[in-house]
Amino acid sequence: RAALEAARRGIRGANPVVGAVILSAAGEILHVGHHRGAG
């Protein structure tokens, strides 16, 4: 869900909007990234 919400911080266009999360073994969200557009 955090990845999907992060994806919406990108912009639509030739590439999809994408979000990514790094999750710890204990289930803690460590880092959240997203794509900001082509290039």
Full PDB file with SEQRES, HELIX, SHEET, SSBOND, CRYST1, ORIGX, SCALE, CONECT and MASTER records, all heavy atoms in Angstrom:
SEQRES   1 A   39  ARG ALA ALA LEU GLU ALA ALA ARG ARG GLY ILE ARG GLY          
SEQRES   2 A   39  ALA ASN PRO VAL VAL GLY ALA VAL ILE LEU SER ALA ALA          
SEQRES   3 A   39  GLY GLU ILE LEU HIS VAL GLY HIS HIS ARG GLY ALA GLY          
HELIX    1 AA1 ALA A    2  ALA A    7  1                                   6    
SHEET    1 AA1 2 GLY A  19  LEU A  23  0                                        
SHEET    2 AA1 2 ILE A  29  HIS A  34 -1                                        
CRYST1    1.000    1.000    1.000  90.00  90.00  90.00 P 1           1          
ORIGX1      1.000000  0.000000  0.000000        0.00000                         
ORIGX2      0.000000  1.000000  0.000000        0.00000                         
ORIGX3      0.000000  0.000000  1.000000        0.00000                         
SCALE1      1.000000  0.000000  0.000000        0.00000                         
SCALE2      0.000000  1.000000  0.000000        0.00000                         
SCALE3      0.000000  0.000000  1.000000        0.00000                         
ATOM      1  N   ARG A   1       0.837  -1.203   0.000  1.00  0.00           N  
ATOM      2  CA  ARG A   1       0.000   0.000   0.000  1.00  0.00           C  
ATOM      3  C   ARG A   1       0.871   1.251   0.000  1.00  0.00           C  
ATOM      4  O   ARG A   1       0.550   2.250  -0.678  1.00  0.00           O  
ATOM      5  CB  ARG A   1      -0.945  -0.004   1.202  1.00  0.00           C  
ATOM      6  CG  ARG A   1      -2.027  -1.075   1.149  1.00  0.00           C  
ATOM      7  CD  ARG A   1      -3.052  -0.893   2.256  1.00  0.00           C  
ATOM      8  NE  ARG A   1      -3.831  -2.070   2.469  1.00  0.00           N  
ATOM      9  CZ  ARG A   1      -3.599  -3.027   3.346  1.00  0.00           C  
ATOM     10  NH1 ARG A   1      -2.638  -2.918   4.158  1.00  0.00           N  
ATOM     11  NH2 ARG A   1      -4.343  -4.081   3.451  1.00  0.00           N  
ATOM     12  N   ALA A   2       1.949   1.236   0.748  1.00  0.00           N  
ATOM     13  CA  ALA A   2       2.870   2.369   0.763  1.00  0.00           C  
ATOM     14  C   ALA A   2       3.528   2.554  -0.607  1.00  0.00           C  
ATOM     15  O   ALA A   2       3.747   3.679  -1.059  1.00  0.00           O  
ATOM     16  CB  ALA A   2       3.935   2.172   1.843  1.00  0.00           C  
ATOM     17  N   ALA A   3       3.849   1.443  -1.280  1.00  0.00           N  
ATOM     18  CA  ALA A   3       4.433   1.525  -2.621  1.00  0.00           C  
ATOM     19  C   ALA A   3       3.451   2.127  -3.611  1.00  0.00           C  
ATOM     20  O   ALA A   3       3.818   2.955  -4.452  1.00  0.00           O  
ATOM     21  CB  ALA A   3       4.878   0.140  -3.082  1.00  0.00           C  
ATOM     22  N   LEU A   4       2.182   1.727  -3.527  1.00  0.00           N  
ATOM     23  CA  LEU A   4       1.163   2.265  -4.420  1.00  0.00           C  
ATOM     24  C   LEU A   4       0.941   3.754  -4.169  1.00  0.00           C  
ATOM     25  O   LEU A   4       0.770   4.536  -5.110  1.00  0.00           O  
ATOM     26  CB  LEU A   4      -0.144   1.490  -4.247  1.00  0.00           C  
ATOM     27  CG  LEU A   4      -0.122   0.032  -4.714  1.00  0.00           C  
ATOM     28  CD1 LEU A   4      -1.385  -0.694  -4.269  1.00  0.00           C  
ATOM     29  CD2 LEU A   4       0.030  -0.053  -6.219  1.00  0.00           C  
ATOM     30  N   GLU A   5       0.940   4.156  -2.909  1.00  0.00           N  
ATOM     31  CA  GLU A   5       0.774   5.570  -2.596  1.00  0.00           C  
ATOM     32  C   GLU A   5       1.982   6.369  -3.087  1.00  0.00           C  
ATOM     33  O   GLU A   5       1.837   7.475  -3.603  1.00  0.00           O  
ATOM     34  CB  GLU A   5       0.593   5.754  -1.091  1.00  0.00           C  
ATOM     35  CG  GLU A   5       0.334   7.195  -0.663  1.00  0.00           C  
ATOM     36  CD  GLU A   5      -0.904   7.795  -1.314  1.00  0.00           C  
ATOM     37  OE1 GLU A   5      -1.858   7.049  -1.612  1.00  0.00           O  
ATOM     38  OE2 GLU A   5      -0.918   9.020  -1.540  1.00  0.00           O  
ATOM     39  N   ALA A   6       3.177   5.811  -2.948  1.00  0.00           N  
ATOM     40  CA  ALA A   6       4.370   6.484  -3.450  1.00  0.00           C  
ATOM     41  C   ALA A   6       4.326   6.629  -4.963  1.00  0.00           C  
ATOM     42  O   ALA A   6       4.782   7.635  -5.514  1.00  0.00           O  
ATOM     43  CB  ALA A   6       5.619   5.709  -3.029  1.00  0.00           C  
ATOM     44  N   ALA A   7       3.794   5.624  -5.638  1.00  0.00           N  
ATOM     45  CA  ALA A   7       3.702   5.681  -7.094  1.00  0.00           C  
ATOM     46  C   ALA A   7       2.921   6.900  -7.557  1.00  0.00           C  
ATOM     47  O   ALA A   7       3.255   7.506  -8.577  1.00  0.00           O  
ATOM     48  CB  ALA A   7       3.059   4.400  -7.628  1.00  0.00           C  
ATOM     49  N   ARG A   8       1.901   7.284  -6.807  1.00  0.00           N  
ATOM     50  CA  ARG A   8       1.074   8.435  -7.178  1.00  0.00           C  
ATOM     51  C   ARG A   8       1.830   9.749  -7.066  1.00  0.00           C  
ATOM     52  O   ARG A   8       1.339  10.776  -7.540  1.00  0.00           O  
ATOM     53  CB  ARG A   8      -0.186   8.461  -6.321  1.00  0.00           C  
ATOM     54  CG  ARG A   8      -1.116   7.273  -6.563  1.00  0.00           C  
ATOM     55  CD  ARG A   8      -2.398   7.374  -5.756  1.00  0.00           C  
ATOM     56  NE  ARG A   8      -3.273   6.242  -6.016  1.00  0.00           N  
ATOM     57  CZ  ARG A   8      -3.282   5.119  -5.301  1.00  0.00           C  
ATOM     58  NH1 ARG A   8      -2.472   5.005  -4.251  1.00  0.00           N  
ATOM     59  NH2 ARG A   8      -4.085   4.127  -5.620  1.00  0.00           N  
ATOM     60  N   ARG A   9       3.003   9.731  -6.461  1.00  0.00           N  
ATOM     61  CA  ARG A   9       3.834  10.931  -6.401  1.00  0.00           C  
ATOM     62  C   ARG A   9       4.600  11.150  -7.699  1.00  0.00           C  
ATOM     63  O   ARG A   9       5.255  12.186  -7.871  1.00  0.00           O  
ATOM     64  CB  ARG A   9       4.807  10.827  -5.230  1.00  0.00           C  
ATOM     65  CG  ARG A   9       4.118  10.743  -3.876  1.00  0.00           C  
ATOM     66  CD  ARG A   9       5.095  10.257  -2.826  1.00  0.00           C  
ATOM     67  NE  ARG A   9       6.025  11.322  -2.449  1.00  0.00           N  
ATOM     68  CZ  ARG A   9       5.848  12.125  -1.430  1.00  0.00           C  
ATOM     69  NH1 ARG A   9       4.749  12.046  -0.710  1.00  0.00           N  
ATOM     70  NH2 ARG A   9       6.748  13.021  -1.122  1.00  0.00           N  
ATOM     71  N   GLY A  10       4.535  10.186  -8.606  1.00  0.00           N  
ATOM     72  CA  GLY A  10       5.146  10.347  -9.914  1.00  0.00           C  
ATOM     73  C   GLY A  10       4.219  11.071 -10.864  1.00  0.00           C  
ATOM     74  O   GLY A  10       3.193  11.618 -10.473  1.00  0.00           O  
ATOM     75  N   ILE A  11       4.577  11.083 -12.122  1.00  0.00           N  
ATOM     76  CA  ILE A  11       3.756  11.710 -13.147  1.00  0.00           C  
ATOM     77  C   ILE A  11       3.461  10.691 -14.238  1.00  0.00           C  
ATOM     78  O   ILE A  11       4.278   9.818 -14.534  1.00  0.00           O  
ATOM     79  CB  ILE A  11       4.431  12.961 -13.745  1.00  0.00           C  
ATOM     80  CG1 ILE A  11       5.787  12.626 -14.343  1.00  0.00           C  
ATOM     81  CG2 ILE A  11       4.562  14.056 -12.704  1.00  0.00           C  
ATOM     82  CD1 ILE A  11       6.430  13.764 -15.088  1.00  0.00           C  
ATOM     83  N   ARG A  12       2.273  10.797 -14.828  1.00  0.00           N  
ATOM     84  CA  ARG A  12       1.892   9.868 -15.878  1.00  0.00           C  
ATOM     85  C   ARG A  12       2.545  10.252 -17.191  1.00  0.00           C  
ATOM     86  O   ARG A  12       2.893  11.399 -17.422  1.00  0.00           O  
ATOM     87  CB  ARG A  12       0.376   9.833 -16.031  1.00  0.00           C  
ATOM     88  CG  ARG A  12      -0.342   9.294 -14.813  1.00  0.00           C  
ATOM     89  CD  ARG A  12      -1.695   8.716 -15.160  1.00  0.00           C  
ATOM     90  NE  ARG A  12      -2.366   8.272 -13.961  1.00  0.00           N  
ATOM     91  CZ  ARG A  12      -2.147   7.103 -13.371  1.00  0.00           C  
ATOM     92  NH1 ARG A  12      -1.266   6.265 -13.883  1.00  0.00           N  
ATOM     93  NH2 ARG A  12      -2.821   6.770 -12.276  1.00  0.00           N  
ATOM     94  N   GLY A  13       2.678   9.246 -18.055  1.00  0.00           N  
ATOM     95  CA  GLY A  13       3.253   9.512 -19.356  1.00  0.00           C  
ATOM     96  C   GLY A  13       3.687   8.233 -20.032  1.00  0.00           C  
ATOM     97  O   GLY A  13       3.032   7.192 -19.918  1.00  0.00           O  
ATOM     98  N   ALA A  14       4.807   8.288 -20.728  1.00  0.00           N  
ATOM     99  CA  ALA A  14       5.295   7.134 -21.469  1.00  0.00           C  
ATOM    100  C   ALA A  14       5.675   5.982 -20.552  1.00  0.00           C  
ATOM    101  O   ALA A  14       5.667   4.824 -20.970  1.00  0.00           O  
ATOM    102  CB  ALA A  14       6.506   7.530 -22.319  1.00  0.00           C  
ATOM    103  N   ASN A  15       6.017   6.278 -19.299  1.00  0.00           N  
ATOM    104  CA  ASN A  15       6.357   5.250 -18.323  1.00  0.00           C  
ATOM    105  C   ASN A  15       5.245   5.124 -17.294  1.00  0.00           C  
ATOM    106  O   ASN A  15       4.524   6.081 -17.028  1.00  0.00           O  
ATOM    107  CB  ASN A  15       7.667   5.583 -17.602  1.00  0.00           C  
ATOM    108  CG  ASN A  15       8.861   5.482 -18.514  1.00  0.00           C  
ATOM    109  OD1 ASN A  15       8.738   5.315 -19.692  1.00  0.00           O  
ATOM    110  ND2 ASN A  15      10.028   5.592 -17.990  1.00  0.00           N  
ATOM    111  N   PRO A  16       5.092   3.934 -16.691  1.00  0.00           N  
ATOM    112  CA  PRO A  16       4.096   3.784 -15.636  1.00  0.00           C  
ATOM    113  C   PRO A  16       4.523   4.506 -14.367  1.00  0.00           C  
ATOM    114  O   PRO A  16       5.709   4.805 -14.178  1.00  0.00           O  
ATOM    115  CB  PRO A  16       4.060   2.268 -15.413  1.00  0.00           C  
ATOM    116  CG  PRO A  16       5.446   1.817 -15.778  1.00  0.00           C  
ATOM    117  CD  PRO A  16       5.869   2.701 -16.923  1.00  0.00           C  
ATOM    118  N   VAL A  17       3.562   4.805 -13.490  1.00  0.00           N  
ATOM    119  CA  VAL A  17       3.902   5.305 -12.161  1.00  0.00           C  
ATOM    120  C   VAL A  17       4.159   4.094 -11.274  1.00  0.00           C  
ATOM    121  O   VAL A  17       3.382   3.144 -11.240  1.00  0.00           O  
ATOM    122  CB  VAL A  17       2.793   6.208 -11.583  1.00  0.00           C  
ATOM    123  CG1 VAL A  17       2.708   7.499 -12.359  1.00  0.00           C  
ATOM    124  CG2 VAL A  17       1.430   5.529 -11.575  1.00  0.00           C  
ATOM    125  N   VAL A  18       5.285   4.111 -10.566  1.00  0.00           N  
ATOM    126  CA  VAL A  18       5.744   2.942  -9.811  1.00  0.00           C  
ATOM    127  C   VAL A  18       6.281   3.398  -8.464  1.00  0.00           C  
ATOM    128  O   VAL A  18       6.950   4.426  -8.358  1.00  0.00           O  
ATOM    129  CB  VAL A  18       6.843   2.168 -10.575  1.00  0.00           C  
ATOM    130  CG1 VAL A  18       7.267   0.919  -9.792  1.00  0.00           C  
ATOM    131  CG2 VAL A  18       6.362   1.773 -11.969  1.00  0.00           C  
ATOM    132  N   GLY A  19       5.995   2.606  -7.430  1.00  0.00           N  
ATOM    133  CA  GLY A  19       6.550   2.827  -6.107  1.00  0.00           C  
ATOM    134  C   GLY A  19       7.238   1.574  -5.597  1.00  0.00           C  
ATOM    135  O   GLY A  19       6.898   0.453  -5.997  1.00  0.00           O  
ATOM    136  N   ALA A  20       8.231   1.755  -4.726  1.00  0.00           N  
ATOM    137  CA  ALA A  20       8.986   0.632  -4.174  1.00  0.00           C  
ATOM    138  C   ALA A  20       9.275   0.885  -2.702  1.00  0.00           C  
ATOM    139  O   ALA A  20       9.526   2.018  -2.291  1.00  0.00           O  
ATOM    140  CB  ALA A  20      10.297   0.420  -4.938  1.00  0.00           C  
ATOM    141  N   VAL A  21       9.242  -0.187  -1.916  1.00  0.00           N  
ATOM    142  CA  VAL A  21       9.473  -0.124  -0.481  1.00  0.00           C  
ATOM    143  C   VAL A  21      10.514  -1.172  -0.107  1.00  0.00           C  
ATOM    144  O   VAL A  21      10.462  -2.307  -0.592  1.00  0.00           O  
ATOM    145  CB  VAL A  21       8.165  -0.375   0.301  1.00  0.00           C  
ATOM    146  CG1 VAL A  21       8.443  -0.634   1.776  1.00  0.00           C  
ATOM    147  CG2 VAL A  21       7.218   0.800   0.137  1.00  0.00           C  
ATOM    148  N   ILE A  22      11.438  -0.805   0.756  1.00  0.00           N  
ATOM    149  CA  ILE A  22      12.359  -1.768   1.357  1.00  0.00           C  
ATOM    150  C   ILE A  22      11.833  -2.093   2.748  1.00  0.00           C  
ATOM    151  O   ILE A  22      11.684  -1.212   3.596  1.00  0.00           O  
ATOM    152  CB  ILE A  22      13.795  -1.222   1.415  1.00  0.00           C  
ATOM    153  CG1 ILE A  22      14.319  -0.973  -0.012  1.00  0.00           C  
ATOM    154  CG2 ILE A  22      14.707  -2.208   2.142  1.00  0.00           C  
ATOM    155  CD1 ILE A  22      15.699  -0.360  -0.072  1.00  0.00           C  
ATOM    156  N   LEU A  23      11.530  -3.374   2.960  1.00  0.00           N  
ATOM    157  CA  LEU A  23      10.885  -3.851   4.177  1.00  0.00           C  
ATOM    158  C   LEU A  23      11.874  -4.691   4.980  1.00  0.00           C  
ATOM    159  O   LEU A  23      12.538  -5.577   4.435  1.00  0.00           O  
ATOM    160  CB  LEU A  23       9.657  -4.688   3.814  1.00  0.00           C  
ATOM    161  CG  LEU A  23       8.748  -5.189   4.930  1.00  0.00           C  
ATOM    162  CD1 LEU A  23       8.016  -4.033   5.595  1.00  0.00           C  
ATOM    163  CD2 LEU A  23       7.750  -6.206   4.379  1.00  0.00           C  
ATOM    164  N   SER A  24      11.974  -4.435   6.291  1.00  0.00           N  
ATOM    165  CA  SER A  24      12.880  -5.205   7.141  1.00  0.00           C  
ATOM    166  C   SER A  24      12.293  -6.572   7.454  1.00  0.00           C  
ATOM    167  O   SER A  24      11.091  -6.824   7.273  1.00  0.00           O  
ATOM    168  CB  SER A  24      13.169  -4.452   8.435  1.00  0.00           C  
ATOM    169  OG  SER A  24      12.050  -4.530   9.321  1.00  0.00           O  
ATOM    170  N   ALA A  25      13.127  -7.465   7.968  1.00  0.00           N  
ATOM    171  CA  ALA A  25      12.662  -8.794   8.356  1.00  0.00           C  
ATOM    172  C   ALA A  25      11.635  -8.731   9.481  1.00  0.00           C  
ATOM    173  O   ALA A  25      10.779  -9.612   9.611  1.00  0.00           O  
ATOM    174  CB  ALA A  25      13.846  -9.662   8.782  1.00  0.00           C  
ATOM    175  N   ALA A  26      11.688  -7.666  10.284  1.00  0.00           N  
ATOM    176  CA  ALA A  26      10.737  -7.478  11.369  1.00  0.00           C  
ATOM    177  C   ALA A  26       9.444  -6.824  10.916  1.00  0.00           C  
ATOM    178  O   ALA A  26       8.545  -6.578  11.727  1.00  0.00           O  
ATOM    179  CB  ALA A  26      11.368  -6.639  12.479  1.00  0.00           C  
ATOM    180  N   GLY A  27       9.320  -6.510   9.618  1.00  0.00           N  
ATOM    181  CA  GLY A  27       8.101  -5.913   9.089  1.00  0.00           C  
ATOM    182  C   GLY A  27       8.077  -4.399   9.141  1.00  0.00           C  
ATOM    183  O   GLY A  27       7.013  -3.793   8.998  1.00  0.00           O  
ATOM    184  N   GLU A  28       9.221  -3.761   9.306  1.00  0.00           N  
ATOM    185  CA  GLU A  28       9.307  -2.304   9.363  1.00  0.00           C  
ATOM    186  C   GLU A  28       9.619  -1.745   7.977  1.00  0.00           C  
ATOM    187  O   GLU A  28      10.497  -2.238   7.278  1.00  0.00           O  
ATOM    188  CB  GLU A  28      10.392  -1.879  10.342  1.00  0.00           C  
ATOM    189  CG  GLU A  28      10.597  -0.382  10.444  1.00  0.00           C  
ATOM    190  CD  GLU A  28      11.789   0.001  11.294  1.00  0.00           C  
ATOM    191  OE1 GLU A  28      12.499  -0.915  11.775  1.00  0.00           O  
ATOM    192  OE2 GLU A  28      12.037   1.224  11.457  1.00  0.00           O  
ATOM    193  N   ILE A  29       8.873  -0.714   7.578  1.00  0.00           N  
ATOM    194  CA  ILE A  29       9.160  -0.023   6.324  1.00  0.00           C  
ATOM    195  C   ILE A  29      10.388   0.848   6.534  1.00  0.00           C  
ATOM    196  O   ILE A  29      10.375   1.784   7.332  1.00  0.00           O  
ATOM    197  CB  ILE A  29       7.949   0.809   5.868  1.00  0.00           C  
ATOM    198  CG1 ILE A  29       6.791  -0.114   5.474  1.00  0.00           C  
ATOM    199  CG2 ILE A  29       8.329   1.716   4.690  1.00  0.00           C  
ATOM    200  CD1 ILE A  29       5.520   0.625   5.075  1.00  0.00           C  
ATOM    201  N   LEU A  30      11.460   0.542   5.803  1.00  0.00           N  
ATOM    202  CA  LEU A  30      12.722   1.250   5.978  1.00  0.00           C  
ATOM    203  C   LEU A  30      12.872   2.423   5.026  1.00  0.00           C  
ATOM    204  O   LEU A  30      13.270   3.513   5.431  1.00  0.00           O  
ATOM    205  CB  LEU A  30      13.892   0.274   5.783  1.00  0.00           C  
ATOM    206  CG  LEU A  30      13.936  -0.931   6.727  1.00  0.00           C  
ATOM    207  CD1 LEU A  30      15.071  -1.867   6.346  1.00  0.00           C  
ATOM    208  CD2 LEU A  30      14.079  -0.477   8.172  1.00  0.00           C  
ATOM    209  N   HIS A  31      12.548   2.209   3.745  1.00  0.00           N  
ATOM    210  CA  HIS A  31      12.717   3.254   2.740  1.00  0.00           C  
ATOM    211  C   HIS A  31      11.627   3.122   1.688  1.00  0.00           C  
ATOM    212  O   HIS A  31      11.210   2.010   1.348  1.00  0.00           O  
ATOM    213  CB  HIS A  31      14.100   3.171   2.069  1.00  0.00           C  
ATOM    214  CG  HIS A  31      15.238   3.261   3.038  1.00  0.00           C  
ATOM    215  ND1 HIS A  31      15.593   4.441   3.662  1.00  0.00           N  
ATOM    216  CD2 HIS A  31      16.097   2.315   3.507  1.00  0.00           C  
ATOM    217  CE1 HIS A  31      16.618   4.221   4.467  1.00  0.00           C  
ATOM    218  NE2 HIS A  31      16.947   2.936   4.397  1.00  0.00           N  
ATOM    219  N   VAL A  32      11.186   4.259   1.165  1.00  0.00           N  
ATOM    220  CA  VAL A  32      10.147   4.295   0.147  1.00  0.00           C  
ATOM    221  C   VAL A  32      10.650   5.126  -1.026  1.00  0.00           C  
ATOM    222  O   VAL A  32      11.062   6.281  -0.850  1.00  0.00           O  
ATOM    223  CB  VAL A  32       8.842   4.905   0.691  1.00  0.00           C  
ATOM    224  CG1 VAL A  32       7.765   4.900  -0.398  1.00  0.00           C  
ATOM    225  CG2 VAL A  32       8.357   4.140   1.922  1.00  0.00           C  
ATOM    226  N   GLY A  33      10.619   4.557  -2.229  1.00  0.00           N  
ATOM    227  CA  GLY A  33      11.048   5.259  -3.429  1.00  0.00           C  
ATOM    228  C   GLY A  33       9.936   5.307  -4.456  1.00  0.00           C  
ATOM    229  O   GLY A  33       8.969   4.544  -4.392  1.00  0.00           O  
ATOM    230  N   HIS A  34      10.067   6.192  -5.424  1.00  0.00           N  
ATOM    231  CA  HIS A  34       9.101   6.249  -6.511  1.00  0.00           C  
ATOM    232  C   HIS A  34       9.757   6.792  -7.765  1.00  0.00           C  
ATOM    233  O   HIS A  34      10.812   7.437  -7.718  1.00  0.00           O  
ATOM    234  CB  HIS A  34       7.875   7.096  -6.143  1.00  0.00           C  
ATOM    235  CG  HIS A  34       8.137   8.568  -6.051  1.00  0.00           C  
ATOM    236  ND1 HIS A  34       8.772   9.160  -4.977  1.00  0.00           N  
ATOM    237  CD2 HIS A  34       7.844   9.569  -6.899  1.00  0.00           C  
ATOM    238  CE1 HIS A  34       8.854  10.472  -5.167  1.00  0.00           C  
ATOM    239  NE2 HIS A  34       8.304  10.745  -6.319  1.00  0.00           N  
ATOM    240  N   HIS A  35       9.128   6.509  -8.893  1.00  0.00           N  
ATOM    241  CA  HIS A  35       9.609   6.954 -10.198  1.00  0.00           C  
ATOM    242  C   HIS A  35       9.023   8.320 -10.512  1.00  0.00           C  
ATOM    243  O   HIS A  35       7.842   8.560 -10.311  1.00  0.00           O  
ATOM    244  CB  HIS A  35       9.207   5.942 -11.271  1.00  0.00           C  
ATOM    245  CG  HIS A  35       9.718   6.246 -12.638  1.00  0.00           C  
ATOM    246  ND1 HIS A  35      11.011   6.626 -12.898  1.00  0.00           N  
ATOM    247  CD2 HIS A  35       9.095   6.232 -13.842  1.00  0.00           C  
ATOM    248  CE1 HIS A  35      11.165   6.816 -14.191  1.00  0.00           C  
ATOM    249  NE2 HIS A  35      10.025   6.612 -14.768  1.00  0.00           N  
ATOM    250  N   ARG A  36       9.857   9.250 -11.016  1.00  0.00           N  
ATOM    251  CA  ARG A  36       9.439  10.625 -11.241  1.00  0.00           C  
ATOM    252  C   ARG A  36       9.283  10.986 -12.712  1.00  0.00           C  
ATOM    253  O   ARG A  36       9.156  12.158 -13.040  1.00  0.00           O  
ATOM    254  CB  ARG A  36      10.430  11.572 -10.565  1.00  0.00           C  
ATOM    255  CG  ARG A  36      10.451  11.451  -9.042  1.00  0.00           C  
ATOM    256  CD  ARG A  36      11.637  12.160  -8.424  1.00  0.00           C  
ATOM    257  NE  ARG A  36      11.599  12.190  -6.979  1.00  0.00           N  
ATOM    258  CZ  ARG A  36      12.006  11.200  -6.185  1.00  0.00           C  
ATOM    259  NH1 ARG A  36      12.469  10.074  -6.744  1.00  0.00           N  
ATOM    260  NH2 ARG A  36      11.945  11.305  -4.874  1.00  0.00           N  
ATOM    261  N   GLY A  37       9.272  10.012 -13.590  1.00  0.00           N  
ATOM    262  CA  GLY A  37       9.081  10.296 -15.000  1.00  0.00           C  
ATOM    263  C   GLY A  37      10.224   9.807 -15.858  1.00  0.00           C  
ATOM    264  O   GLY A  37      11.289   9.416 -15.367  1.00  0.00           O  
ATOM    265  N   ALA A  38       9.988   9.792 -17.171  1.00  0.00           N  
ATOM    266  CA  ALA A  38      10.954   9.262 -18.129  1.00  0.00           C  
ATOM    267  C   ALA A  38      12.336   9.881 -17.940  1.00  0.00           C  
ATOM    268  O   ALA A  38      12.476  11.093 -17.808  1.00  0.00           O  
ATOM    269  CB  ALA A  38      10.453   9.496 -19.549  1.00  0.00           C  
ATOM    270  N   GLY A  39      13.365   9.013 -17.916  1.00  0.00           N  
ATOM    271  CA  GLY A  39      14.738   9.472 -17.782  1.00  0.00           C  
ATOM    272  C   GLY A  39      15.232   9.611 -16.362  1.00  0.00           C  
ATOM    273  O   GLY A  39      16.425   9.822 -16.142  1.00  0.00           O  
TER     274      GLY A  39                                                      
MASTER        0    0    0    1    2    0    0    6  273    1    0    3          
END                                                                             
